[in-house]
Protein backbone atom coordinates (compact mmCIF):
# COMPACT_ATOMS: atom_id res chain seq x y z
CA MET A 1 -15.42 -1.79 -48.96
CA ASN A 2 -12.86 -2.86 -51.54
CA LYS A 3 -10.07 -5.36 -51.00
CA GLY A 4 -7.42 -2.72 -50.33
CA GLU A 5 -9.54 -0.96 -47.72
CA GLY A 6 -10.31 -4.26 -46.01
CA LYS A 7 -6.62 -5.11 -45.78
CA SER A 8 -5.86 -1.69 -44.28
CA VAL A 9 -8.49 -2.13 -41.60
CA LEU A 10 -7.16 -5.61 -40.80
CA ASP A 11 -3.59 -4.33 -40.55
CA ALA A 12 -4.70 -1.53 -38.22
CA ALA A 13 -6.55 -4.03 -36.02
CA LEU A 14 -3.48 -6.24 -35.83
CA VAL A 15 -1.31 -3.30 -34.85
CA ALA A 16 -3.76 -2.31 -32.11
CA THR A 17 -4.04 -5.88 -30.86
CA ARG A 18 -0.33 -6.58 -30.71
CA PRO A 19 0.40 -4.63 -27.48
CA ARG A 20 -2.59 -6.23 -25.75
CA LEU A 21 -1.50 -9.73 -26.78
CA GLN A 22 2.01 -8.86 -25.66
CA ALA A 23 0.65 -7.75 -22.29
CA VAL A 24 -1.20 -11.06 -21.84
CA LEU A 25 1.88 -13.12 -22.71
CA VAL A 26 4.10 -11.12 -20.37
CA ALA A 27 1.43 -11.39 -17.66
CA ALA A 28 1.53 -15.18 -17.95
CA LEU A 29 5.30 -15.04 -17.48
CA VAL A 30 4.88 -12.74 -14.47
CA GLY A 31 2.38 -15.19 -12.97
CA VAL A 32 4.71 -18.17 -13.41
CA VAL A 33 7.78 -16.37 -12.04
CA THR A 34 5.79 -14.91 -9.14
CA GLY A 35 4.27 -18.31 -8.38
CA ALA A 36 7.76 -19.84 -8.26
CA ALA A 37 9.04 -16.96 -6.11
CA ALA A 38 6.07 -17.34 -3.74
CA ILE A 39 6.75 -21.06 -3.34
CA ALA A 40 10.43 -20.36 -2.65
CA PHE A 41 9.48 -17.66 -0.13
CA ARG A 42 7.03 -19.96 1.65
CA GLU A 43 9.49 -22.84 1.79
CA ALA A 44 12.25 -20.54 3.05
CA PHE A 45 10.49 -19.21 6.13
CA SER A 46 8.82 -22.58 6.85
CA GLY A 47 12.22 -24.26 6.65
CA LEU A 48 13.71 -21.67 8.99
CA GLN A 49 10.93 -22.35 11.51
CA LEU A 50 11.59 -26.08 11.40
CA LEU A 51 15.34 -25.51 11.72
CA LEU A 52 14.96 -23.30 14.79
CA PHE A 53 11.98 -24.84 16.59
CA GLY A 54 11.73 -28.37 15.20
CA VAL A 55 7.99 -27.88 14.64
CA PRO A 56 5.88 -25.50 12.53
CA LEU A 57 4.79 -22.46 14.53
CA ASP A 58 1.21 -22.95 13.34
CA ASP A 59 1.01 -26.01 15.61
CA ALA A 60 0.59 -24.24 18.96
CA GLU A 61 0.23 -27.51 20.89
CA ALA A 62 3.51 -28.87 19.51
CA VAL A 63 5.22 -25.55 20.24
CA THR A 64 4.03 -25.69 23.85
CA LEU A 65 5.16 -29.27 24.38
CA ARG A 66 8.41 -29.40 22.40
CA VAL A 67 9.95 -25.91 22.27
CA HIS A 68 12.04 -24.64 25.18
CA PRO A 69 10.64 -21.42 26.71
CA GLY A 70 14.04 -19.76 26.39
CA LEU A 71 13.97 -20.31 22.65
CA LEU A 72 10.46 -18.88 22.42
CA LEU A 73 11.70 -15.80 24.23
CA ALA A 74 14.97 -15.33 22.39
CA SER A 75 14.16 -16.29 18.80
CA PRO A 76 11.90 -13.33 17.85
CA ALA A 77 14.43 -10.95 19.43
CA VAL A 78 17.37 -12.37 17.48
CA GLY A 79 15.24 -12.42 14.33
CA GLY A 80 14.33 -8.80 14.99
CA LEU A 81 18.01 -7.89 15.27
CA VAL A 82 18.80 -9.52 11.92
CA THR A 83 15.74 -7.90 10.34
CA GLY A 84 16.78 -4.50 11.65
CA LEU A 85 20.27 -4.86 10.18
CA ILE A 86 18.89 -5.95 6.79
CA CYS A 87 16.61 -2.90 6.75
CA TYR A 88 19.43 -0.61 7.87
CA TRP A 89 21.92 -1.79 5.27
CA LEU A 90 19.81 -2.77 2.28
CA LEU A 91 16.38 -1.09 2.24
CA PRO A 92 15.33 2.45 1.32
CA GLU A 93 14.45 4.64 4.31
CA ARG A 94 15.80 1.73 6.41
CA ARG A 95 12.36 0.17 6.91
CA PRO A 96 10.51 -2.95 5.72
CA GLN A 97 8.75 -2.85 2.34
CA GLY A 98 5.26 -4.13 1.62
CA VAL A 99 1.93 -3.65 -0.09
CA ALA A 100 1.85 0.09 0.61
CA ASP A 101 5.06 0.51 -1.39
CA ALA A 102 3.53 -1.35 -4.34
CA MET A 103 0.47 0.93 -4.11
CA GLU A 104 2.67 4.02 -4.05
CA SER A 105 4.66 2.80 -7.03
CA ALA A 106 1.52 1.99 -9.03
CA ALA A 107 0.00 5.41 -8.35
CA LEU A 108 2.98 7.76 -8.40
CA ARG A 109 6.14 6.07 -9.71
CA GLY A 110 5.05 4.50 -12.96
CA GLY A 111 4.93 0.98 -11.53
CA LEU A 112 8.69 0.85 -10.93
CA LEU A 113 10.14 -1.26 -8.12
CA ASP A 114 13.80 -2.14 -7.64
CA LEU A 115 14.67 -5.86 -7.79
CA ARG A 116 17.49 -5.58 -5.23
CA THR A 117 15.14 -3.84 -2.81
CA GLY A 118 12.42 -6.43 -3.42
CA LEU A 119 14.75 -9.34 -2.71
CA ALA A 120 16.15 -7.66 0.41
CA ALA A 121 12.60 -6.99 1.64
CA ALA A 122 11.69 -10.65 1.05
CA ALA A 123 14.80 -11.74 2.99
CA ALA A 124 13.84 -9.51 5.93
CA SER A 125 10.33 -11.00 5.93
CA ILE A 126 11.69 -14.56 5.77
CA VAL A 127 13.80 -13.87 8.87
CA SER A 128 10.92 -12.24 10.75
CA LEU A 129 8.42 -14.99 9.87
CA GLY A 130 10.93 -17.79 10.42
CA THR A 131 11.84 -16.58 13.91
CA GLY A 132 8.27 -16.12 15.11
CA ALA A 133 7.20 -12.51 14.50
CA SER A 134 3.43 -11.97 14.58
CA VAL A 135 3.16 -10.93 10.94
CA GLY A 136 1.64 -12.23 7.72
CA ARG A 137 3.17 -13.91 4.70
CA GLU A 138 0.80 -12.45 2.11
CA GLY A 139 2.04 -8.84 2.19
CA PRO A 140 5.66 -9.81 1.44
CA MET A 141 4.49 -12.19 -1.30
CA ILE A 142 2.40 -9.41 -2.87
CA HIS A 143 5.35 -7.01 -2.77
CA LEU A 144 7.66 -9.69 -4.17
CA GLY A 145 5.19 -10.39 -6.98
CA ALA A 146 4.89 -6.68 -7.75
CA THR A 147 8.69 -6.47 -7.87
CA VAL A 148 8.82 -9.41 -10.28
CA GLY A 149 6.30 -7.71 -12.57
CA SER A 150 8.23 -4.45 -12.55
CA TRP A 151 11.59 -6.20 -13.09
CA LEU A 152 10.34 -8.30 -16.01
CA THR A 153 8.96 -5.18 -17.69
CA ARG A 154 12.39 -3.56 -17.66
CA THR A 155 14.28 -6.77 -18.44
CA LEU A 156 12.20 -7.40 -21.56
CA GLY A 157 12.68 -3.82 -22.69
CA LEU A 158 8.98 -3.04 -22.67
CA SER A 159 7.52 0.45 -22.66
CA ALA A 160 6.56 2.36 -19.55
CA THR A 161 2.92 1.65 -20.42
CA PHE A 162 3.40 -1.92 -19.20
CA SER A 163 4.97 -1.10 -15.84
CA ARG A 164 1.85 -0.44 -13.78
CA ARG A 165 -0.04 -3.32 -15.36
CA MET A 166 2.73 -5.84 -14.76
CA LEU A 167 3.20 -4.63 -11.19
CA ALA A 168 -0.51 -5.25 -10.60
CA CYS A 169 -0.17 -8.65 -12.29
CA GLY A 170 2.60 -9.59 -9.87
CA ALA A 171 0.55 -8.44 -6.88
CA ALA A 172 -2.45 -10.49 -8.02
CA ALA A 173 -0.23 -13.50 -8.54
CA GLY A 174 1.14 -13.10 -5.01
CA VAL A 175 -2.35 -13.22 -3.48
CA ALA A 176 -3.44 -16.09 -5.71
CA ALA A 177 -0.37 -18.17 -4.87
CA SER A 178 -0.81 -17.55 -1.16
CA PHE A 179 -4.48 -18.52 -0.89
CA ASN A 180 -4.92 -20.75 -3.94
CA ALA A 181 -7.61 -18.22 -4.80
CA PRO A 182 -7.18 -16.71 -8.31
CA ILE A 183 -10.34 -14.59 -8.32
CA ALA A 184 -9.39 -13.01 -4.99
CA GLY A 185 -5.96 -12.19 -6.42
CA VAL A 186 -7.55 -10.39 -9.36
CA ILE A 187 -9.97 -8.39 -7.24
CA PHE A 188 -7.31 -7.46 -4.66
CA ALA A 189 -4.96 -6.13 -7.33
CA VAL A 190 -7.71 -4.04 -8.93
CA GLU A 191 -9.28 -2.90 -5.64
CA VAL A 192 -6.17 -2.13 -3.59
CA VAL A 193 -3.03 -1.93 -5.72
CA VAL A 194 -4.33 -0.30 -8.92
CA GLY A 195 -7.35 1.37 -7.34
CA ARG A 196 -9.48 1.36 -10.48
CA TYR A 197 -10.83 -1.00 -13.13
CA THR A 198 -9.84 -0.85 -16.80
CA LEU A 199 -10.18 -3.66 -19.31
CA HIS A 200 -6.59 -3.26 -20.49
CA THR A 201 -5.38 -3.87 -16.95
CA PHE A 202 -7.95 -6.51 -15.97
CA ALA A 203 -7.20 -9.07 -18.69
CA PRO A 204 -3.45 -9.43 -17.94
CA ILE A 205 -4.15 -9.54 -14.19
CA VAL A 206 -6.51 -12.49 -14.71
CA VAL A 207 -3.88 -14.35 -16.72
CA ALA A 208 -1.15 -13.74 -14.12
CA SER A 209 -3.38 -14.77 -11.25
CA VAL A 210 -4.44 -18.02 -12.94
CA ALA A 211 -0.83 -18.87 -13.88
CA ALA A 212 0.37 -18.39 -10.29
CA THR A 213 -2.53 -20.45 -8.95
CA VAL A 214 -1.76 -23.34 -11.30
CA LEU A 215 1.86 -23.37 -10.16
CA SER A 216 0.85 -23.18 -6.50
CA ARG A 217 -1.59 -26.07 -6.90
CA LEU A 218 1.04 -28.17 -8.60
CA ALA A 219 3.23 -27.62 -5.55
CA TYR A 220 0.67 -27.82 -2.72
CA GLY A 221 -2.43 -29.45 -4.18
CA GLU A 222 -5.95 -28.19 -4.66
CA ASP A 223 -6.65 -27.33 -1.02
CA VAL A 224 -7.22 -23.70 -0.15
CA ALA A 225 -5.40 -21.95 2.69
CA PHE A 226 -7.81 -22.92 5.50
CA MET A 227 -9.69 -26.04 6.54
CA VAL A 228 -13.27 -24.86 6.14
CA PRO A 229 -16.06 -27.25 7.18
CA GLU A 230 -19.32 -27.50 5.29
CA VAL A 231 -21.44 -24.62 6.53
CA ALA A 232 -24.82 -23.08 5.87
CA ILE A 233 -26.85 -20.24 7.34
CA HIS A 234 -29.82 -21.62 9.27
CA SER A 235 -31.98 -18.51 9.03
CA TYR A 236 -31.70 -15.03 7.58
CA LEU A 237 -33.33 -13.86 10.81
CA GLU A 238 -29.76 -14.02 12.12
CA LEU A 239 -28.79 -11.01 9.99
CA PRO A 240 -28.85 -8.68 13.05
CA ALA A 241 -26.34 -11.02 14.70
CA PHE A 242 -24.15 -10.95 11.59
CA ILE A 243 -24.30 -7.15 11.60
CA LEU A 244 -23.16 -7.24 15.22
CA VAL A 245 -20.16 -9.33 14.15
CA GLY A 246 -19.36 -6.59 11.64
CA LEU A 247 -19.47 -4.02 14.42
CA LEU A 248 -17.20 -6.13 16.64
CA GLY A 249 -14.87 -6.62 13.68
CA ALA A 250 -14.61 -2.85 13.25
CA LEU A 251 -13.68 -2.42 16.92
CA VAL A 252 -11.02 -5.15 16.69
CA THR A 253 -9.63 -3.59 13.49
CA ILE A 254 -9.37 -0.16 15.11
CA ALA A 255 -7.68 -1.72 18.16
CA LEU A 256 -5.20 -3.50 15.87
CA ILE A 257 -4.22 -0.47 13.76
CA ARG A 258 -4.23 1.75 16.85
CA SER A 259 -1.84 -0.61 18.63
CA ILE A 260 0.53 -0.54 15.64
CA SER A 261 0.35 3.26 15.58
CA VAL A 262 0.99 3.64 19.32
CA VAL A 263 3.95 1.23 19.25
CA SER A 264 5.40 2.94 16.18
CA ARG A 265 5.25 6.38 17.80
CA GLY A 266 6.69 4.96 21.01
CA PHE A 267 9.70 3.50 19.22
CA GLU A 268 10.28 6.80 17.40
CA ARG A 269 10.75 8.49 20.79
CA LEU A 270 13.34 5.98 22.00
CA PRO A 271 16.93 7.31 22.06
CA LEU A 272 18.14 4.18 20.25
CA PRO A 273 19.19 3.48 16.64
CA ASN A 274 16.35 2.31 14.39
CA TRP A 275 18.01 -1.02 13.66
CA LEU A 276 17.58 -2.01 17.31
CA HIS A 277 13.82 -1.41 17.35
CA PRO A 278 12.84 -4.77 15.76
CA ALA A 279 14.97 -6.67 18.31
CA ILE A 280 13.17 -4.96 21.21
CA ALA A 281 9.81 -5.59 19.55
CA GLY A 282 10.77 -9.24 19.00
CA LEU A 283 11.65 -9.60 22.67
CA GLY A 284 8.18 -8.32 23.54
CA VAL A 285 6.62 -10.84 21.16
CA GLY A 286 8.64 -13.59 22.84
CA VAL A 287 7.34 -12.58 26.27
CA ILE A 288 3.75 -12.74 25.00
CA ALA A 289 4.45 -16.11 23.34
CA LEU A 290 5.44 -17.63 26.70
CA ALA A 291 1.80 -17.25 27.77
CA ALA A 292 0.14 -17.57 24.34
CA PRO A 293 2.30 -19.37 21.73
CA GLN A 294 -0.58 -19.01 19.26
CA VAL A 295 0.60 -15.46 18.52
CA LEU A 296 3.75 -16.68 16.76
CA GLY A 297 3.93 -16.64 12.98
CA VAL A 298 1.06 -16.34 10.51
CA GLY A 299 -1.48 -18.03 12.78
CA TYR A 300 -3.14 -20.27 10.19
CA GLY A 301 -3.26 -23.19 12.63
CA THR A 302 -5.17 -21.12 15.20
CA THR A 303 -7.46 -19.84 12.46
CA ASP A 304 -8.26 -23.45 11.50
CA ASP A 305 -8.94 -24.26 15.17
CA ALA A 306 -11.32 -21.31 15.41
CA LEU A 307 -13.15 -22.44 12.25
CA ALA A 308 -13.51 -25.92 13.73
CA GLY A 309 -14.84 -24.51 17.01
CA GLU A 310 -12.08 -26.21 19.02
CA LEU A 311 -11.11 -23.23 21.20
CA PRO A 312 -13.00 -22.50 24.44
CA PHE A 313 -14.41 -19.04 25.03
CA LEU A 314 -11.83 -17.84 27.58
CA LEU A 315 -8.93 -19.03 25.45
CA LEU A 316 -10.40 -17.27 22.41
CA ALA A 317 -10.56 -13.99 24.30
CA THR A 318 -7.03 -14.44 25.68
CA ILE A 319 -5.51 -15.19 22.28
CA LEU A 320 -7.41 -12.26 20.73
CA ILE A 321 -5.91 -9.75 23.15
CA ALA A 322 -2.45 -11.35 22.95
CA LYS A 323 -2.50 -11.36 19.12
CA ILE A 324 -3.41 -7.67 18.93
CA ALA A 325 -0.53 -6.86 21.29
CA ALA A 326 1.96 -9.12 19.48
CA THR A 327 1.01 -7.81 16.03
CA GLY A 328 1.15 -4.22 17.28
CA LEU A 329 4.66 -4.85 18.60
CA SER A 330 5.77 -6.65 15.42
CA LEU A 331 4.53 -4.21 12.79
CA GLY A 332 4.92 -1.09 14.92
CA GLY A 333 8.42 -2.12 15.97
CA GLY A 334 9.76 -2.65 12.47
CA LEU A 335 9.62 -6.43 12.05
CA ALA A 336 9.05 -7.32 8.41
CA GLY A 337 5.82 -8.90 7.22
CA GLY A 338 2.22 -8.22 6.36
CA ILE A 339 -1.07 -7.70 8.16
CA PHE A 340 -3.22 -10.05 6.06
CA SER A 341 -2.71 -13.22 8.13
CA PRO A 342 -2.96 -11.50 11.55
CA SER A 343 -6.18 -9.77 10.53
CA LEU A 344 -7.69 -13.05 9.30
CA MET A 345 -6.74 -14.74 12.57
CA LEU A 346 -8.13 -11.89 14.66
CA GLY A 347 -11.30 -11.96 12.59
CA ALA A 348 -11.61 -15.72 13.11
CA LEU A 349 -11.21 -15.28 16.87
CA THR A 350 -13.76 -12.44 16.92
CA GLY A 351 -16.28 -14.39 14.88
CA SER A 352 -15.71 -17.52 16.93
CA LEU A 353 -16.40 -15.57 20.13
CA ALA A 354 -19.63 -14.27 18.59
CA GLY A 355 -20.54 -17.79 17.44
CA SER A 356 -20.01 -19.13 20.96
CA ILE A 357 -22.35 -16.50 22.35
CA ALA A 358 -24.96 -17.21 19.65
CA ALA A 359 -24.79 -20.96 20.35
CA TRP A 360 -25.28 -20.29 24.05
CA LEU A 361 -28.23 -17.94 23.51
CA TYR A 362 -29.95 -19.92 20.70
CA PRO A 363 -28.58 -23.48 20.78
CA ASP A 364 -31.26 -24.89 18.49
CA THR A 365 -31.48 -22.14 15.86
CA ALA A 366 -28.04 -20.55 15.60
CA SER A 367 -25.98 -21.18 12.48
CA PRO A 368 -22.86 -23.35 12.78
CA HIS A 369 -19.89 -21.92 14.61
CA ALA A 370 -17.86 -21.68 11.40
CA VAL A 371 -20.38 -19.29 9.81
CA TYR A 372 -19.71 -16.67 12.46
CA THR A 373 -15.98 -17.32 12.22
CA LEU A 374 -15.95 -16.71 8.47
CA ILE A 375 -18.00 -13.53 8.89
CA GLY A 376 -15.53 -12.30 11.50
CA MET A 377 -12.60 -13.06 9.20
CA GLY A 378 -14.13 -10.95 6.47
CA ALA A 379 -15.10 -8.10 8.81
CA VAL A 380 -11.63 -7.62 10.31
CA ALA A 381 -9.49 -8.40 7.25
CA GLY A 382 -11.63 -6.38 4.85
CA ALA A 383 -11.56 -3.30 7.07
CA ALA A 384 -7.86 -3.62 7.92
CA LEU A 385 -6.80 -4.03 4.30
CA GLY A 386 -9.29 -1.58 2.84
CA SER A 387 -10.48 -4.34 0.51
CA PRO A 388 -14.01 -5.46 1.43
CA LEU A 389 -14.71 -6.93 -2.01
CA SER A 390 -11.55 -9.02 -2.42
CA THR A 391 -11.83 -10.26 1.17
CA THR A 392 -15.38 -11.38 0.52
CA ILE A 393 -14.26 -13.14 -2.67
CA ILE A 394 -11.58 -14.97 -0.66
CA VAL A 395 -14.31 -16.29 1.65
CA LEU A 396 -16.40 -17.32 -1.37
CA GLU A 397 -13.45 -19.22 -2.87
CA LEU A 398 -12.71 -20.80 0.50
CA THR A 399 -16.25 -22.04 1.06
CA GLY A 400 -17.99 -22.14 -2.30
CA ASN A 401 -21.03 -21.09 -0.27
CA TYR A 402 -22.94 -18.13 -1.70
CA PRO A 403 -25.36 -17.52 1.24
CA VAL A 404 -22.43 -17.31 3.68
CA THR A 405 -20.70 -14.91 1.30
CA LEU A 406 -23.71 -12.57 1.41
CA ALA A 407 -23.45 -12.40 5.19
CA VAL A 408 -19.69 -11.85 4.97
CA LEU A 409 -20.18 -9.03 2.45
CA LEU A 410 -22.71 -7.30 4.69
CA ALA A 411 -20.52 -7.48 7.79
CA THR A 412 -17.34 -6.57 5.88
CA VAL A 413 -18.83 -3.47 4.27
CA LEU A 414 -20.26 -2.34 7.61
CA SER A 415 -16.95 -2.87 9.37
CA SER A 416 -15.04 -1.03 6.63
CA LEU A 417 -17.41 1.95 6.81
CA ILE A 418 -17.08 2.20 10.59
CA VAL A 419 -13.28 1.96 10.51
CA ASN A 420 -13.10 4.58 7.76
CA ASP A 421 -15.39 6.95 9.66
CA ILE A 422 -13.66 6.56 13.04
CA TRP A 423 -10.02 5.90 12.13
CA GLY A 424 -10.02 7.35 8.62
CA HIS A 425 -7.62 4.82 7.13
CA SER A 426 -7.05 1.20 6.29
CA PHE A 427 -3.68 -0.15 7.39
CA PHE A 428 -2.07 0.52 4.02
CA SER A 429 -3.44 4.06 3.65
CA TRP A 430 -2.30 4.76 7.23
CA GLN A 431 1.22 3.64 6.30
CA LEU A 432 1.18 5.95 3.28
CA SER A 433 -0.24 8.86 5.27
CA ARG A 434 2.77 8.66 7.60
CA ARG A 435 4.90 9.37 4.51
CA GLY A 436 2.72 12.30 3.51
CA ILE A 437 0.98 10.37 0.71
CA ASP A 438 -2.78 10.28 0.27
CA LEU A 439 -3.90 7.98 -2.51
CA ARG A 440 -7.53 8.63 -1.75
CA MET A 441 -7.16 11.57 -4.15
CA ARG A 442 -7.70 10.74 -7.77
CA ARG A 443 -4.55 9.33 -9.33
CA VAL A 444 -4.24 12.32 -11.64
CA ASP A 445 -4.30 14.71 -8.69
CA ALA A 446 -1.86 12.58 -6.73
CA LEU A 447 0.55 12.43 -9.66
CA LEU A 448 0.24 16.14 -10.25
CA ARG A 449 0.87 17.09 -6.64
CA GLY A 450 3.88 14.77 -6.56
CA ARG A 451 5.62 16.42 -9.53
CA SER A 452 8.79 18.37 -8.87
CA THR A 453 8.99 22.06 -9.74
CA LYS A 454 11.76 21.04 -12.16
CA GLU A 455 9.18 19.12 -14.21
CA LEU A 456 6.97 22.19 -14.69
CA ASN A 457 7.10 24.76 -17.45
CA THR A 458 8.72 27.40 -15.29
CA ARG A 459 9.82 30.76 -16.67
CA PRO A 460 12.80 32.97 -15.82
CA VAL A 461 12.45 36.03 -13.63
CA SER A 462 13.53 39.63 -14.36
CA CYS A 463 15.58 40.75 -11.37
CA ILE A 464 15.94 44.49 -10.58
CA PRO A 465 18.51 45.62 -7.99
CA ALA A 466 17.15 47.61 -5.06
CA GLY A 467 17.78 51.35 -5.43
CA THR A 468 16.99 51.40 -9.15
CA LEU A 469 14.62 54.17 -10.27
CA TRP A 470 11.54 53.24 -12.22
CA ARG A 471 12.48 55.53 -15.13
CA ASP A 472 15.73 53.60 -15.61
CA ILE A 473 13.98 50.30 -16.36
CA ARG A 474 10.54 51.40 -17.61
CA MET A 475 11.37 51.52 -21.32
CA GLU A 476 13.41 48.30 -21.21
CA LEU A 477 10.57 46.40 -19.52
CA LYS A 478 8.09 47.78 -22.05
CA ALA A 479 10.29 46.64 -24.92
CA THR A 480 10.80 43.11 -23.56
CA GLY A 481 7.22 42.63 -22.38
CA ALA A 482 8.43 41.26 -19.05
CA THR A 483 5.69 40.42 -16.60
CA ASP A 484 7.52 38.71 -13.75
CA ILE A 485 9.67 41.40 -12.16
CA VAL A 486 11.24 41.06 -8.74
CA VAL A 487 13.43 43.34 -6.66
CA VAL A 488 16.60 41.76 -5.24
CA ASP A 489 19.12 42.90 -2.67
CA GLY A 490 22.89 43.17 -3.12
CA GLN A 491 23.31 39.40 -2.69
CA GLY A 492 20.57 38.60 -5.18
CA GLY A 493 17.99 37.72 -2.53
CA LEU A 494 14.34 38.30 -3.41
CA LEU A 495 12.79 41.30 -1.64
CA GLY A 496 9.45 41.65 -3.41
CA ARG A 497 7.49 41.74 -6.67
CA ILE A 498 6.53 44.63 -8.94
CA GLU A 499 3.35 44.73 -11.02
CA PRO A 500 4.54 46.39 -14.29
CA SER A 501 1.04 47.07 -15.59
CA ARG A 502 0.37 49.59 -12.84
CA ARG A 503 1.22 53.27 -13.20
CA HIS A 504 4.39 54.31 -11.37
CA ASP A 505 6.26 57.62 -11.08
CA ASP A 506 9.60 57.75 -12.87
CA LEU A 507 11.54 58.87 -9.82
CA ASP A 508 10.17 56.16 -7.51
CA PRO A 509 12.80 53.62 -6.35
CA VAL A 510 11.68 50.11 -7.22
CA GLU A 511 11.64 48.94 -3.60
CA SER A 512 8.91 51.50 -2.87
CA LEU A 513 6.76 49.99 -5.63
CA MET A 514 7.11 46.33 -4.73
CA ASP A 515 4.83 43.96 -2.84
CA SER A 516 7.02 42.19 -0.28
CA ASN A 517 4.40 39.52 0.48
CA VAL A 518 5.40 37.02 -2.21
CA ALA A 519 4.82 33.28 -2.49
CA MET A 520 7.99 31.20 -2.52
CA VAL A 521 9.06 27.54 -2.61
CA VAL A 522 12.51 25.97 -2.72
CA ALA A 523 13.78 24.33 -5.90
CA LYS A 524 13.32 20.74 -4.68
CA SER A 525 9.68 21.27 -3.72
CA THR A 526 6.78 19.34 -5.21
CA LEU A 527 3.75 20.90 -6.81
CA ALA A 528 1.86 20.22 -3.57
CA ALA A 529 3.94 22.95 -1.92
CA VAL A 530 3.29 25.27 -4.87
CA LEU A 531 -0.46 24.72 -4.58
CA ASP A 532 -0.31 25.39 -0.85
CA GLN A 533 1.42 28.70 -1.52
CA MET A 534 -1.20 29.63 -4.11
CA HIS A 535 -3.88 28.89 -1.56
CA THR A 536 -2.16 31.18 0.95
CA HIS A 537 -1.55 33.90 -1.69
CA PRO A 538 -4.67 33.84 -3.92
CA GLY A 539 -4.09 35.01 -7.47
CA ALA A 540 -0.31 35.29 -7.05
CA ALA A 541 2.48 33.56 -8.93
CA VAL A 542 4.91 31.42 -6.96
CA TYR A 543 8.65 32.05 -7.13
CA VAL A 544 11.11 29.17 -7.00
CA VAL A 545 14.22 30.09 -4.95
CA GLU A 546 17.46 28.25 -4.21
CA ASP A 547 16.70 28.24 -0.50
CA LEU A 548 14.51 30.22 1.90
CA LYS A 549 17.51 31.83 3.60
CA LYS A 550 19.29 33.40 0.59
CA ARG A 551 16.05 33.66 -1.44
CA ARG A 552 17.78 33.83 -4.82
CA PRO A 553 15.03 33.51 -7.46
CA ILE A 554 15.34 30.81 -10.12
CA SER A 555 11.99 30.81 -11.90
CA VAL A 556 8.29 31.57 -11.53
CA ILE A 557 5.20 29.36 -11.71
CA ASP A 558 1.66 30.54 -12.40
CA THR A 559 -1.69 28.87 -12.97
CA ASP A 560 -1.06 28.46 -16.72
CA ASP A 561 2.05 26.40 -15.96
CA ILE A 562 0.06 24.18 -13.63
CA MET A 563 -2.71 23.66 -16.16
CA GLN A 564 -0.17 22.60 -18.79
CA SER A 565 1.36 20.13 -16.33
CA TYR A 566 -2.11 18.84 -15.47
CA GLN A 567 -2.80 18.17 -19.15
CA ARG A 568 0.46 16.25 -19.54
CA VAL A 569 -0.33 14.09 -16.51
CA LEU A 570 -3.86 13.52 -17.78
CA ASP A 571 -2.51 12.41 -21.17
CA ARG A 572 -0.06 10.05 -19.45
CA VAL A 573 -2.72 8.39 -17.31
CA TYR A 574 -5.04 8.03 -20.29
CA ALA A 575 -2.28 6.41 -22.33
CA GLU A 576 -1.39 3.99 -19.54
CA GLU A 577 -4.99 2.94 -18.95
CA HIS A 578 -5.70 2.45 -22.66
CA GLY A 579 -2.54 0.60 -23.54
CA GLU A 580 -1.01 3.40 -25.57
CA PRO A 581 2.71 4.24 -25.63
CA THR A 582 3.88 6.81 -23.14
CA SER A 583 7.13 8.02 -21.69
CA ARG A 584 8.20 7.61 -18.11
């Protein structure tokens, strides 16, 4: 290789490297901004709790002794009212935003999230958390981080290629800042938000997660989210018991998501405006809190108590049932927040119950109480979030104990499999399914099915008025080579389709030659509707009409058009995943 050739190769390498280096630098900025936003979010709802109650809601004993019962009853209801009004006035579809919205954006909307919406969603979550709703802080922080990543991409004038990656970077930073667990942030973003691993995405996510963790540790120290005692598994002969914890975790997870679903459907039937639903749900949470104040807020204090083995058996069972009910009311009733913290708390209570039973049955050989608690945390949270790997990594970062992590992984995978087989969804996929979105399909398929008919290569239609004789149009159709011929009535409404390649008599009126069983979709339909019509009418083209009442044809779509659209989507996904320029 001569000198000139060597320089050309070097220049090409630098050009190829530049976007990747740019992505890493922007990811670091996303991590820092998200870390700062997460700290501000955490301080905001914690400050609101102290302002209203005088004590942090995580301290159940202080809440019981120092907070007036009337305040416990009223605060979640008033917070619910404010949350409902924020959602009604400021949020799309007049509902809270969260992790599911970040997942949808990453898969189908090019990683775009609106800053105004993200800030309004964070404000709604601050109000809900600050007034005592049984919700988590991590989901809002993940959504806020994803919003930061998306906003910075647009603010810096970067290409659409960066959008999904920076959204994932923000999500990872949100998890990392919440738990002081950078590896968990990385795995969660890849496992849940992005849904697939690529090197071009992984490297920036790592940088963002580390940057957010550094900022969080500067603010709150090196301690992780929970107070985890030194633990070790006494014997691997306990594996059957750990498997049983996984089974119990699956049942608790199903009960949790089922309660949210039942409450949500119940509120939909109420003859009341949607903005009132969170207030009613908050009142229900307040009633539960009168008997079990541990249900209020994120529940980290109760989780720590369960890890320490400080809660008696009957109280564990009582709080478990109360927390499922309170979380079902909160998330099903439209209060803003996540499911991460509640699922960790429920898992801790489940594992602690199992640990109490194990200690009673085998007092000399059973592993420490905290081992079972950690396994329960993984089993419930992993199944609820649909993230068994990242949940296990969180436990590893919390404990630094590899043997315990193996047991957590076993129980978490088992629980996730059972929940998927029985319920069919994690919490986030259930939320998306209610909107008609299924991200379990490959991203290419999901993107394709979500495309509007306006984005396809549609072709015009030759319209023949009813009453026309075949001889009057035969030569013209032969000259033009038209293939998509429809018969329309006097108002231009589609009556049927004619196959021009078939032999017809010259004196036949066109309406006697047509097939009236035609596939139709309205202009605003997605490709999913087109594909459904093709399934119902095998081998037929699909006609796009203005509306199904007037049936005026606009264009026609066939399988060739769909294949061309598929190729464009495939090229777009490939470009995004390999760091190549692409259009939105």
